[in-house]
Amino acid sequence: MNEMSSYLKNYIEVVIKPLVDNPDDVEVFASVSTKTVIVQIKVEKTDCGKIIGKHGRTIESIKVVCLAAKNTQFPNDSRRVVLEVLEDENSDFSYK
């Protein structure tokens, strides 16, 4: 794991865990490609709304803070940061 992905993974965990009801179930995956840093967040499905927030405001704020942290630690790196909240594929949503 590269230094940037490790840093962002740990940073996002510190930001996300206080927001959710089940902090032990938070999993963060970070990968770095040539132009993008992808951070994937997996939480309990009951906590998914807390991470996204009303109209996506919480996740957008987390993206801004994550990008600021990346730019502070790695100022010469021009890659953009993408955050994804992974939803449980086995959820019990019904489409009617």
PDB file of N, CA and C in Angstrom:
ATOM      1  N   MET A   1       0.847  -1.175   0.000  1.00  0.00           N
ATOM      2  CA  MET A   1       0.000   0.000   0.000  1.00  0.00           C
ATOM      3  C   MET A   1       0.892   1.238   0.000  1.00  0.00           C
ATOM      4  N   ASN A   2       0.573   2.174  -0.843  1.00  0.00           N
ATOM      5  CA  ASN A   2       1.406   3.353  -0.942  1.00  0.00           C
ATOM      6  C   ASN A   2       1.109   4.319   0.202  1.00  0.00           C
ATOM      7  N   GLU A   3       2.018   5.249   0.418  1.00  0.00           N
ATOM      8  CA  GLU A   3       1.938   6.161   1.565  1.00  0.00           C
ATOM      9  C   GLU A   3       0.668   7.014   1.538  1.00  0.00           C
ATOM     10  N   MET A   4       0.294   7.515   0.369  1.00  0.00           N
ATOM     11  CA  MET A   4      -0.889   8.362   0.275  1.00  0.00           C
ATOM     12  C   MET A   4      -2.163   7.591   0.579  1.00  0.00           C
ATOM     13  N   SER A   5      -2.307   6.397   0.019  1.00  0.00           N
ATOM     14  CA  SER A   5      -3.526   5.623   0.265  1.00  0.00           C
ATOM     15  C   SER A   5      -3.630   5.228   1.731  1.00  0.00           C
ATOM     16  N   SER A   6      -2.518   4.899   2.337  1.00  0.00           N
ATOM     17  CA  SER A   6      -2.517   4.554   3.756  1.00  0.00           C
ATOM     18  C   SER A   6      -2.905   5.761   4.613  1.00  0.00           C
ATOM     19  N   TYR A   7      -2.358   6.919   4.282  1.00  0.00           N
ATOM     20  CA  TYR A   7      -2.681   8.144   5.015  1.00  0.00           C
ATOM     21  C   TYR A   7      -4.166   8.481   4.903  1.00  0.00           C
ATOM     22  N   LEU A   8      -4.700   8.458   3.681  1.00  0.00           N
ATOM     23  CA  LEU A   8      -6.110   8.797   3.479  1.00  0.00           C
ATOM     24  C   LEU A   8      -7.036   7.770   4.111  1.00  0.00           C
ATOM     25  N   LYS A   9      -6.670   6.503   4.055  1.00  0.00           N
ATOM     26  CA  LYS A   9      -7.474   5.458   4.683  1.00  0.00           C
ATOM     27  C   LYS A   9      -7.609   5.721   6.181  1.00  0.00           C
ATOM     28  N   ASN A  10      -6.486   5.970   6.837  1.00  0.00           N
ATOM     29  CA  ASN A  10      -6.519   6.236   8.278  1.00  0.00           C
ATOM     30  C   ASN A  10      -7.257   7.531   8.597  1.00  0.00           C
ATOM     31  N   TYR A  11      -7.050   8.560   7.779  1.00  0.00           N
ATOM     32  CA  TYR A  11      -7.690   9.849   8.004  1.00  0.00           C
ATOM     33  C   TYR A  11      -9.213   9.735   7.899  1.00  0.00           C
ATOM     34  N   ILE A  12      -9.696   9.046   6.876  1.00  0.00           N
ATOM     35  CA  ILE A  12     -11.139   8.892   6.680  1.00  0.00           C
ATOM     36  C   ILE A  12     -11.757   8.067   7.804  1.00  0.00           C
ATOM     37  N   GLU A  13     -11.053   7.044   8.262  1.00  0.00           N
ATOM     38  CA  GLU A  13     -11.565   6.257   9.390  1.00  0.00           C
ATOM     39  C   GLU A  13     -11.768   7.129  10.621  1.00  0.00           C
ATOM     40  N   VAL A  14     -10.817   8.022  10.891  1.00  0.00           N
ATOM     41  CA  VAL A  14     -10.921   8.920  12.042  1.00  0.00           C
ATOM     42  C   VAL A  14     -12.107   9.874  11.885  1.00  0.00           C
ATOM     43  N   VAL A  15     -12.377  10.312  10.660  1.00  0.00           N
ATOM     44  CA  VAL A  15     -13.487  11.234  10.410  1.00  0.00           C
ATOM     45  C   VAL A  15     -14.833  10.518  10.468  1.00  0.00           C
ATOM     46  N   ILE A  16     -14.918   9.304   9.929  1.00  0.00           N
ATOM     47  CA  ILE A  16     -16.195   8.595   9.784  1.00  0.00           C
ATOM     48  C   ILE A  16     -16.676   7.954  11.083  1.00  0.00           C
ATOM     49  N   LYS A  17     -15.785   7.337  11.833  1.00  0.00           N
ATOM     50  CA  LYS A  17     -16.207   6.539  12.989  1.00  0.00           C
ATOM     51  C   LYS A  17     -17.053   7.302  14.012  1.00  0.00           C
ATOM     52  N   PRO A  18     -16.773   8.571  14.315  1.00  0.00           N
ATOM     53  CA  PRO A  18     -17.648   9.274  15.268  1.00  0.00           C
ATOM     54  C   PRO A  18     -19.051   9.567  14.730  1.00  0.00           C
ATOM     55  N   LEU A  19     -19.247   9.477  13.422  1.00  0.00           N
ATOM     56  CA  LEU A  19     -20.535   9.803  12.823  1.00  0.00           C
ATOM     57  C   LEU A  19     -21.542   8.653  12.857  1.00  0.00           C
ATOM     58  N   VAL A  20     -21.062   7.429  13.012  1.00  0.00           N
ATOM     59  CA  VAL A  20     -21.934   6.258  12.864  1.00  0.00           C
ATOM     60  C   VAL A  20     -22.256   5.611  14.211  1.00  0.00           C
ATOM     61  N   ASP A  21     -23.305   4.804  14.221  1.00  0.00           N
ATOM     62  CA  ASP A  21     -23.694   4.078  15.426  1.00  0.00           C
ATOM     63  C   ASP A  21     -22.848   2.827  15.644  1.00  0.00           C
ATOM     64  N   ASN A  22     -22.303   2.273  14.560  1.00  0.00           N
ATOM     65  CA  ASN A  22     -21.511   1.045  14.625  1.00  0.00           C
ATOM     66  C   ASN A  22     -20.093   1.298  14.113  1.00  0.00           C
ATOM     67  N   PRO A  23     -19.254   1.982  14.903  1.00  0.00           N
ATOM     68  CA  PRO A  23     -17.915   2.316  14.408  1.00  0.00           C
ATOM     69  C   PRO A  23     -17.015   1.107  14.152  1.00  0.00           C
ATOM     70  N   ASP A  24     -17.304  -0.008  14.810  1.00  0.00           N
ATOM     71  CA  ASP A  24     -16.485  -1.207  14.594  1.00  0.00           C
ATOM     72  C   ASP A  24     -16.723  -1.834  13.219  1.00  0.00           C
ATOM     73  N   ASP A  25     -17.851  -1.506  12.588  1.00  0.00           N
ATOM     74  CA  ASP A  25     -18.188  -2.070  11.286  1.00  0.00           C
ATOM     75  C   ASP A  25     -17.719  -1.197  10.120  1.00  0.00           C
ATOM     76  N   VAL A  26     -17.033  -0.104  10.405  1.00  0.00           N
ATOM     77  CA  VAL A  26     -16.548   0.786   9.351  1.00  0.00           C
ATOM     78  C   VAL A  26     -15.311   0.166   8.700  1.00  0.00           C
ATOM     79  N   GLU A  27     -15.351   0.074   7.378  1.00  0.00           N
ATOM     80  CA  GLU A  27     -14.207  -0.403   6.609  1.00  0.00           C
ATOM     81  C   GLU A  27     -13.900   0.638   5.544  1.00  0.00           C
ATOM     82  N   VAL A  28     -12.640   0.983   5.422  1.00  0.00           N
ATOM     83  CA  VAL A  28     -12.220   1.963   4.426  1.00  0.00           C
ATOM     84  C   VAL A  28     -11.142   1.334   3.550  1.00  0.00           C
ATOM     85  N   PHE A  29     -11.319   1.462   2.246  1.00  0.00           N
ATOM     86  CA  PHE A  29     -10.358   0.949   1.277  1.00  0.00           C
ATOM     87  C   PHE A  29      -9.873   2.125   0.439  1.00  0.00           C
ATOM     88  N   ALA A  30      -8.588   2.230   0.231  1.00  0.00           N
ATOM     89  CA  ALA A  30      -8.045   3.325  -0.579  1.00  0.00           C
ATOM     90  C   ALA A  30      -7.115   2.754  -1.638  1.00  0.00           C
ATOM     91  N   SER A  31      -7.254   3.274  -2.848  1.00  0.00           N
ATOM     92  CA  SER A  31      -6.360   2.865  -3.931  1.00  0.00           C
ATOM     93  C   SER A  31      -5.981   4.101  -4.738  1.00  0.00           C
ATOM     94  N   VAL A  32      -4.796   4.066  -5.270  1.00  0.00           N
ATOM     95  CA  VAL A  32      -4.268   5.197  -6.022  1.00  0.00           C
ATOM     96  C   VAL A  32      -4.013   4.757  -7.452  1.00  0.00           C
ATOM     97  N   SER A  33      -4.565   5.500  -8.404  1.00  0.00           N
ATOM     98  CA  SER A  33      -4.278   5.243  -9.814  1.00  0.00           C
ATOM     99  C   SER A  33      -3.481   6.427 -10.363  1.00  0.00           C
ATOM    100  N   THR A  34      -3.329   6.481 -11.653  1.00  0.00           N
ATOM    101  CA  THR A  34      -2.492   7.532 -12.233  1.00  0.00           C
ATOM    102  C   THR A  34      -3.074   8.929 -12.062  1.00  0.00           C
ATOM    103  N   LYS A  35      -4.397   9.071 -12.099  1.00  0.00           N
ATOM    104  CA  LYS A  35      -5.015  10.393 -12.003  1.00  0.00           C
ATOM    105  C   LYS A  35      -5.967  10.553 -10.828  1.00  0.00           C
ATOM    106  N   THR A  36      -6.241   9.471 -10.104  1.00  0.00           N
ATOM    107  CA  THR A  36      -7.292   9.505  -9.091  1.00  0.00           C
ATOM    108  C   THR A  36      -6.889   8.721  -7.851  1.00  0.00           C
ATOM    109  N   VAL A  37      -7.338   9.214  -6.715  1.00  0.00           N
ATOM    110  CA  VAL A  37      -7.261   8.467  -5.464  1.00  0.00           C
ATOM    111  C   VAL A  37      -8.698   8.078  -5.131  1.00  0.00           C
ATOM    112  N   ILE A  38      -8.964   6.791  -5.058  1.00  0.00           N
ATOM    113  CA  ILE A  38     -10.322   6.307  -4.788  1.00  0.00           C
ATOM    114  C   ILE A  38     -10.376   5.792  -3.360  1.00  0.00           C
ATOM    115  N   VAL A  39     -11.289   6.364  -2.569  1.00  0.00           N
ATOM    116  CA  VAL A  39     -11.495   5.930  -1.197  1.00  0.00           C
ATOM    117  C   VAL A  39     -12.910   5.374  -1.110  1.00  0.00           C
ATOM    118  N   GLN A  40     -13.011   4.098  -0.750  1.00  0.00           N
ATOM    119  CA  GLN A  40     -14.309   3.442  -0.631  1.00  0.00           C
ATOM    120  C   GLN A  40     -14.613   3.225   0.841  1.00  0.00           C
ATOM    121  N   ILE A  41     -15.831   3.585   1.227  1.00  0.00           N
ATOM    122  CA  ILE A  41     -16.246   3.489   2.620  1.00  0.00           C
ATOM    123  C   ILE A  41     -17.386   2.486   2.701  1.00  0.00           C
ATOM    124  N   LYS A  42     -17.222   1.496   3.564  1.00  0.00           N
ATOM    125  CA  LYS A  42     -18.276   0.507   3.768  1.00  0.00           C
ATOM    126  C   LYS A  42     -18.716   0.592   5.224  1.00  0.00           C
ATOM    127  N   VAL A  43     -20.004   0.819   5.424  1.00  0.00           N
ATOM    128  CA  VAL A  43     -20.570   0.912   6.770  1.00  0.00           C
ATOM    129  C   VAL A  43     -21.809   0.031   6.845  1.00  0.00           C
ATOM    130  N   GLU A  44     -22.285  -0.167   8.046  1.00  0.00           N
ATOM    131  CA  GLU A  44     -23.538  -0.886   8.257  1.00  0.00           C
ATOM    132  C   GLU A  44     -24.635  -0.153   7.487  1.00  0.00           C
ATOM    133  N   LYS A  45     -25.584  -0.886   6.904  1.00  0.00           N
ATOM    134  CA  LYS A  45     -26.576  -0.210   6.061  1.00  0.00           C
ATOM    135  C   LYS A  45     -27.438   0.783   6.831  1.00  0.00           C
ATOM    136  N   THR A  46     -27.579   0.604   8.145  1.00  0.00           N
ATOM    137  CA  THR A  46     -28.327   1.585   8.930  1.00  0.00           C
ATOM    138  C   THR A  46     -27.551   2.889   9.111  1.00  0.00           C
ATOM    139  N   ASP A  47     -26.235   2.848   8.927  1.00  0.00           N
ATOM    140  CA  ASP A  47     -25.396   4.040   9.063  1.00  0.00           C
ATOM    141  C   ASP A  47     -25.147   4.743   7.737  1.00  0.00           C
ATOM    142  N   CYS A  48     -25.588   4.165   6.652  1.00  0.00           N
ATOM    143  CA  CYS A  48     -25.323   4.711   5.323  1.00  0.00           C
ATOM    144  C   CYS A  48     -25.879   6.136   5.192  1.00  0.00           C
ATOM    145  N   GLY A  49     -27.062   6.366   5.689  1.00  0.00           N
ATOM    146  CA  GLY A  49     -27.679   7.695   5.620  1.00  0.00           C
ATOM    147  C   GLY A  49     -26.927   8.728   6.427  1.00  0.00           C
ATOM    148  N   LYS A  50     -26.322   8.301   7.526  1.00  0.00           N
ATOM    149  CA  LYS A  50     -25.551   9.229   8.351  1.00  0.00           C
ATOM    150  C   LYS A  50     -24.299   9.699   7.625  1.00  0.00           C
ATOM    151  N   ILE A  51     -23.709   8.830   6.829  1.00  0.00           N
ATOM    152  CA  ILE A  51     -22.502   9.178   6.076  1.00  0.00           C
ATOM    153  C   ILE A  51     -22.853  10.081   4.891  1.00  0.00           C
ATOM    154  N   ILE A  52     -23.949   9.783   4.217  1.00  0.00           N
ATOM    155  CA  ILE A  52     -24.340  10.563   3.040  1.00  0.00           C
ATOM    156  C   ILE A  52     -24.927  11.907   3.461  1.00  0.00           C
ATOM    157  N   GLY A  53     -25.802  11.908   4.456  1.00  0.00           N
ATOM    158  CA  GLY A  53     -26.396  13.151   4.942  1.00  0.00           C
ATOM    159  C   GLY A  53     -27.536  13.639   4.063  1.00  0.00           C
ATOM    160  N   LYS A  54     -28.199  14.658   4.546  1.00  0.00           N
ATOM    161  CA  LYS A  54     -29.331  15.219   3.819  1.00  0.00           C
ATOM    162  C   LYS A  54     -28.838  15.885   2.538  1.00  0.00           C
ATOM    163  N   HIS A  55     -29.381  15.445   1.410  1.00  0.00           N
ATOM    164  CA  HIS A  55     -29.000  15.931   0.085  1.00  0.00           C
ATOM    165  C   HIS A  55     -27.513  15.747  -0.208  1.00  0.00           C
ATOM    166  N   GLY A  56     -26.862  14.781   0.467  1.00  0.00           N
ATOM    167  CA  GLY A  56     -25.458  14.487   0.207  1.00  0.00           C
ATOM    168  C   GLY A  56     -24.486  15.486   0.810  1.00  0.00           C
ATOM    169  N   ARG A  57     -24.959  16.314   1.715  1.00  0.00           N
ATOM    170  CA  ARG A  57     -24.095  17.366   2.274  1.00  0.00           C
ATOM    171  C   ARG A  57     -22.954  16.804   3.116  1.00  0.00           C
ATOM    172  N   THR A  58     -23.223  15.765   3.897  1.00  0.00           N
ATOM    173  CA  THR A  58     -22.180  15.202   4.764  1.00  0.00           C
ATOM    174  C   THR A  58     -21.056  14.584   3.947  1.00  0.00           C
ATOM    175  N   ILE A  59     -21.402  13.768   2.955  1.00  0.00           N
ATOM    176  CA  ILE A  59     -20.369  13.123   2.156  1.00  0.00           C
ATOM    177  C   ILE A  59     -19.595  14.155   1.348  1.00  0.00           C
ATOM    178  N   GLU A  60     -20.250  15.192   0.880  1.00  0.00           N
ATOM    179  CA  GLU A  60     -19.543  16.257   0.153  1.00  0.00           C
ATOM    180  C   GLU A  60     -18.569  16.978   1.073  1.00  0.00           C
ATOM    181  N   SER A  61     -18.964  17.215   2.315  1.00  0.00           N
ATOM    182  CA  SER A  61     -18.074  17.854   3.282  1.00  0.00           C
ATOM    183  C   SER A  61     -16.876  16.972   3.596  1.00  0.00           C
ATOM    184  N   ILE A  62     -17.119  15.680   3.714  1.00  0.00           N
ATOM    185  CA  ILE A  62     -16.024  14.736   3.969  1.00  0.00           C
ATOM    186  C   ILE A  62     -15.058  14.735   2.783  1.00  0.00           C
ATOM    187  N   LYS A  63     -15.590  14.823   1.552  1.00  0.00           N
ATOM    188  CA  LYS A  63     -14.738  14.881   0.360  1.00  0.00           C
ATOM    189  C   LYS A  63     -13.837  16.110   0.391  1.00  0.00           C
ATOM    190  N   VAL A  64     -14.402  17.253   0.773  1.00  0.00           N
ATOM    191  CA  VAL A  64     -13.628  18.493   0.820  1.00  0.00           C
ATOM    192  C   VAL A  64     -12.517  18.388   1.862  1.00  0.00           C
ATOM    193  N   VAL A  65     -12.844  17.862   3.039  1.00  0.00           N
ATOM    194  CA  VAL A  65     -11.845  17.713   4.100  1.00  0.00           C
ATOM    195  C   VAL A  65     -10.765  16.716   3.683  1.00  0.00           C
ATOM    196  N   CYS A  66     -11.167  15.645   3.030  1.00  0.00           N
ATOM    197  CA  CYS A  66     -10.209  14.632   2.563  1.00  0.00           C
ATOM    198  C   CYS A  66      -9.267  15.218   1.513  1.00  0.00           C
ATOM    199  N   LEU A  67      -9.806  15.985   0.583  1.00  0.00           N
ATOM    200  CA  LEU A  67      -8.977  16.620  -0.434  1.00  0.00           C
ATOM    201  C   LEU A  67      -8.010  17.622   0.193  1.00  0.00           C
ATOM    202  N   ALA A  68      -8.486  18.383   1.181  1.00  0.00           N
ATOM    203  CA  ALA A  68      -7.614  19.338   1.875  1.00  0.00           C
ATOM    204  C   ALA A  68      -6.493  18.612   2.612  1.00  0.00           C
ATOM    205  N   ALA A  69      -6.809  17.487   3.235  1.00  0.00           N
ATOM    206  CA  ALA A  69      -5.780  16.706   3.929  1.00  0.00           C
ATOM    207  C   ALA A  69      -4.762  16.161   2.946  1.00  0.00           C
ATOM    208  N   LYS A  70      -5.226  15.680   1.793  1.00  0.00           N
ATOM    209  CA  LYS A  70      -4.298  15.172   0.770  1.00  0.00           C
ATOM    210  C   LYS A  70      -3.406  16.287   0.252  1.00  0.00           C
ATOM    211  N   ASN A  71      -3.996  17.448  -0.013  1.00  0.00           N
ATOM    212  CA  ASN A  71      -3.215  18.562  -0.548  1.00  0.00           C
ATOM    213  C   ASN A  71      -2.232  19.118   0.476  1.00  0.00           C
ATOM    214  N   THR A  72      -2.544  18.985   1.758  1.00  0.00           N
ATOM    215  CA  THR A  72      -1.635  19.442   2.802  1.00  0.00           C
ATOM    216  C   THR A  72      -0.450  18.493   2.940  1.00  0.00           C
ATOM    217  N   GLN A  73      -0.721  17.196   2.946  1.00  0.00           N
ATOM    218  CA  GLN A  73       0.335  16.203   3.119  1.00  0.00           C
ATOM    219  C   GLN A  73       1.136  15.956   1.841  1.00  0.00           C
ATOM    220  N   PHE A  74       0.469  16.059   0.707  1.00  0.00           N
ATOM    221  CA  PHE A  74       1.111  15.766  -0.580  1.00  0.00           C
ATOM    222  C   PHE A  74       0.850  16.941  -1.536  1.00  0.00           C
ATOM    223  N   PRO A  75       1.469  18.102  -1.287  1.00  0.00           N
ATOM    224  CA  PRO A  75       1.128  19.318  -2.048  1.00  0.00           C
ATOM    225  C   PRO A  75       1.490  19.262  -3.535  1.00  0.00           C
ATOM    226  N   ASN A  76       2.424  18.443  -3.928  1.00  0.00           N
ATOM    227  CA  ASN A  76       2.836  18.374  -5.329  1.00  0.00           C
ATOM    228  C   ASN A  76       2.083  17.320  -6.127  1.00  0.00           C
ATOM    229  N   ASP A  77       1.128  16.655  -5.500  1.00  0.00           N
ATOM    230  CA  ASP A  77       0.369  15.603  -6.165  1.00  0.00           C
ATOM    231  C   ASP A  77      -0.940  16.191  -6.699  1.00  0.00           C
ATOM    232  N   SER A  78      -1.165  16.077  -7.997  1.00  0.00           N
ATOM    233  CA  SER A  78      -2.345  16.699  -8.612  1.00  0.00           C
ATOM    234  C   SER A  78      -3.524  15.743  -8.786  1.00  0.00           C
ATOM    235  N   ARG A  79      -3.441  14.545  -8.235  1.00  0.00           N
ATOM    236  CA  ARG A  79      -4.547  13.581  -8.384  1.00  0.00           C
ATOM    237  C   ARG A  79      -5.788  14.078  -7.652  1.00  0.00           C
ATOM    238  N   ARG A  80      -6.937  13.734  -8.200  1.00  0.00           N
ATOM    239  CA  ARG A  80      -8.180  14.103  -7.527  1.00  0.00           C
ATOM    240  C   ARG A  80      -8.628  12.965  -6.619  1.00  0.00           C
ATOM    241  N   VAL A  81      -9.443  13.309  -5.646  1.00  0.00           N
ATOM    242  CA  VAL A  81      -9.903  12.339  -4.664  1.00  0.00           C
ATOM    243  C   VAL A  81     -11.376  12.035  -4.920  1.00  0.00           C
ATOM    244  N   VAL A  82     -11.705  10.756  -4.974  1.00  0.00           N
ATOM    245  CA  VAL A  82     -13.082  10.308  -5.164  1.00  0.00           C
ATOM    246  C   VAL A  82     -13.466   9.458  -3.961  1.00  0.00           C
ATOM    247  N   LEU A  83     -14.586   9.805  -3.324  1.00  0.00           N
ATOM    248  CA  LEU A  83     -15.102   9.014  -2.205  1.00  0.00           C
ATOM    249  C   LEU A  83     -16.327   8.257  -2.670  1.00  0.00           C
ATOM    250  N   GLU A  84     -16.412   6.997  -2.294  1.00  0.00           N
ATOM    251  CA  GLU A  84     -17.570   6.161  -2.629  1.00  0.00           C
ATOM    252  C   GLU A  84     -18.082   5.510  -1.358  1.00  0.00           C
ATOM    253  N   VAL A  85     -19.382   5.551  -1.166  1.00  0.00           N
ATOM    254  CA  VAL A  85     -19.996   4.818  -0.064  1.00  0.00           C
ATOM    255  C   VAL A  85     -20.546   3.536  -0.658  1.00  0.00           C
ATOM    256  N   LEU A  86     -20.004   2.409  -0.208  1.00  0.00           N
ATOM    257  CA  LEU A  86     -20.432   1.116  -0.725  1.00  0.00           C
ATOM    258  C   LEU A  86     -21.683   0.681   0.020  1.00  0.00           C
ATOM    259  N   GLU A  87     -22.722   0.414  -0.728  1.00  0.00           N
ATOM    260  CA  GLU A  87     -23.967  -0.033  -0.131  1.00  0.00           C
ATOM    261  C   GLU A  87     -24.028  -1.549  -0.157  1.00  0.00           C
ATOM    262  N   ASP A  88     -24.698  -2.106   0.811  1.00  0.00           N
ATOM    263  CA  ASP A  88     -24.823  -3.552   0.908  1.00  0.00           C
ATOM    264  C   ASP A  88     -25.672  -4.067  -0.251  1.00  0.00           C
ATOM    265  N   GLU A  89     -25.128  -5.003  -0.999  1.00  0.00           N
ATOM    266  CA  GLU A  89     -25.846  -5.560  -2.139  1.00  0.00           C
ATOM    267  C   GLU A  89     -26.978  -6.483  -1.704  1.00  0.00           C
ATOM    268  N   ASN A  90     -26.944  -6.958  -0.486  1.00  0.00           N
ATOM    269  CA  ASN A  90     -27.976  -7.859   0.016  1.00  0.00           C
ATOM    270  C   ASN A  90     -29.010  -7.111   0.842  1.00  0.00           C
ATOM    271  N   SER A  91     -29.212  -5.850   0.542  1.00  0.00           N
ATOM    272  CA  SER A  91     -30.157  -5.061   1.334  1.00  0.00           C
ATOM    273  C   SER A  91     -31.575  -5.512   1.071  1.00  0.00           C
ATOM    274  N   ASP A  92     -32.461  -5.128   1.956  1.00  0.00           N
ATOM    275  CA  ASP A  92     -33.842  -5.568   1.839  1.00  0.00           C
ATOM    276  C   ASP A  92     -34.736  -4.455   1.290  1.00  0.00           C
ATOM    277  N   PHE A  93     -34.244  -3.677   0.342  1.00  0.00           N
ATOM    278  CA  PHE A  93     -35.054  -2.671  -0.305  1.00  0.00           C
ATOM    279  C   PHE A  93     -36.022  -3.368  -1.248  1.00  0.00           C
ATOM    280  N   SER A  94     -37.222  -2.864  -1.303  1.00  0.00           N
ATOM    281  CA  SER A  94     -38.181  -3.435  -2.251  1.00  0.00           C
ATOM    282  C   SER A  94     -38.510  -2.362  -3.279  1.00  0.00           C
ATOM    283  N   TYR A  95     -38.450  -2.733  -4.555  1.00  0.00           N
ATOM    284  CA  TYR A  95     -38.732  -1.812  -5.637  1.00  0.00           C
ATOM    285  C   TYR A  95     -40.144  -2.060  -6.115  1.00  0.00           C
ATOM    286  N   LYS A  96     -41.032  -1.139  -5.788  1.00  0.00           N
ATOM    287  CA  LYS A  96     -42.447  -1.310  -6.179  1.00  0.00           C
ATOM    288  C   LYS A  96     -42.881  -0.186  -7.066  1.00  0.00           C
TER     289      LYS A  96
END
